């Protein structure tokens, strides 16, 4: 730490006199530095945003001095000293207990995801998270009925009983959403996410209309898979079953982005669930898919490929206007589509900015957004993931953020034991290298899925950075429909085969709430099947997309004769002249 810093000089001068009061609690230890750092940053922005006792402490700490370096260094320096000093017991007063409560709040924000109920199968035991226990912070059972300041919690109640504060924190951070934000260095981003999560604790996750929308999306997701399974027995389709909530997730992300001004969305994904996305999100005609299953499609101008690798584009209506969706063709090598999608988005951004020469690419970033859908094993282990992430903020390649969706069915082909899968806690951990927030969400709670989908879309538009949605689900069938997964995963598939589908669980929830009834749900299921039988569209309405501008932009690339002879000769004299210049040193 540089000498002559007035804050540090003052800190060292009065440290020992203050320590006699501070040492009464274990809350002020080195492990609490992250929490106090956040609190201090909030104090610097608005002193009234932190509890009164912390206002007094921070004001006394500065003693009127001017801060000449990043404030977090002051806090880190102080707690580096405190962490080396012995902890002693003492009688806690109200201020000390309040500090303990504040550190408990910080613990839930930082580590609540480790205790969250994000696995629909409850297949793996989760470790006990010690610092989420109020007793770990020096509080006792007798304190549960005491009232404490809510401090930096985003709640309208300035004071709550400790019991209620804990219930609030558990509801936000340890139910079916686990939010990872502690690796983000920017305080503004962390506080924005905390506010979004904590404000949701005061109101239902979804309105009646949104619940009906979620139900219809789950009917589509399950309905298509069952229809194809019955009509095309034994044919590969790489079913989405178990990860059905991908459809309401994609629908909500796309609608939210469109509502906020996005005009184009480029999607990249592998084979798992691709047919479902094509039909239920992109608006591809079911009859075209059926023709592909039956071998009736004739491709005159393209090379052949399997139906679950084909791309598609369409225009759909959102509250913010028409939004063009483009699903990139999938090269069979896992995740290699990622840089292809990023390049496509960057090129579209370059085209968008031409209208105003003074614009920079980032000024039109929100107009074009990439969505990448990954497998859990692939995201954790494919090198192209890290390579693409590292380009996300590089000036020549950045696209203003990507929504990463991990279709986390907790199995990589035939491997599910975490000791054989990866070395990190989560499959999403590579995203931390670019400080992307991660939202782990239980696929059996589609309302939570919809909520974090909106947060992710809003975060991308506000901060122009990558964000990760880790959709924790399962794979009901084998790697493909011809495989028997119980051969390699007997315990997991014992659970899966007795586990209700997301549609069944959500239907039961809505019936219990009085939002719907079984007859109405059956009608939705039957109507969807009837529409498929007719080969008609089953997604949101698709708009006419063959605009004159699009036709002109693509004309030079389409319907070309691949076998047309091309003259590749070059004048020998000119070639020799160029060669001479290449091998000549500049005169200067």
Foldseek 3Di string as FASTA:
>chain_A
DDPPFLLVVLCVVCVVVVVVVVLQFPLLALVLLLLVLLVVVVCVVPVVLFDPVVSVVVCSSCVPPDGDDDVSVSSNVSNVVRNPDDRDHDDDDQVRVLSLLSSLLVCLLAPLLQQAPAALLPQDDGDDDVSNDSVVRVDDPVQQQPKYAPTNQQDPDRIDGNVVSSVLSCVQDHYFKHKHQSLFPDSVLSSVVRNLSSVCSVDPLDDLVVLVVQLLQLLLLVLVVVLCCVPQPPDWQQHQFFLSLVRVLVVLLVQLLLLVAAAEEEEEEARHCQVSCVFAPQFDFLVVVVCLSVVNDDDDFDDDDHPSQDKDWFWFAHNNGIHIYTYHGHDNPFPPCLLVRLVVLQVVLVVVCPVPVVDDSLVCLSHYAYEYEHELLCLQDPPVNLVSLVCCPPRVRHRLEYEYEYSYQQADQQDRPPVPRHDDPGSNVSNSVQSAMEMRGHSLPSSVSSSVSSVQSVSSVVRSYYHYYYHHTHRQDHSINVDHNCVRVVPSNVSSVVRDTSSVSSQVVCVVVVSDDPVVSVVSSVVQVVCSVVSGRDYHDTDDDPDPVVCVVCVVPPPDDPPDDDDPDDDPVVVVVVVVVVPDDDPD
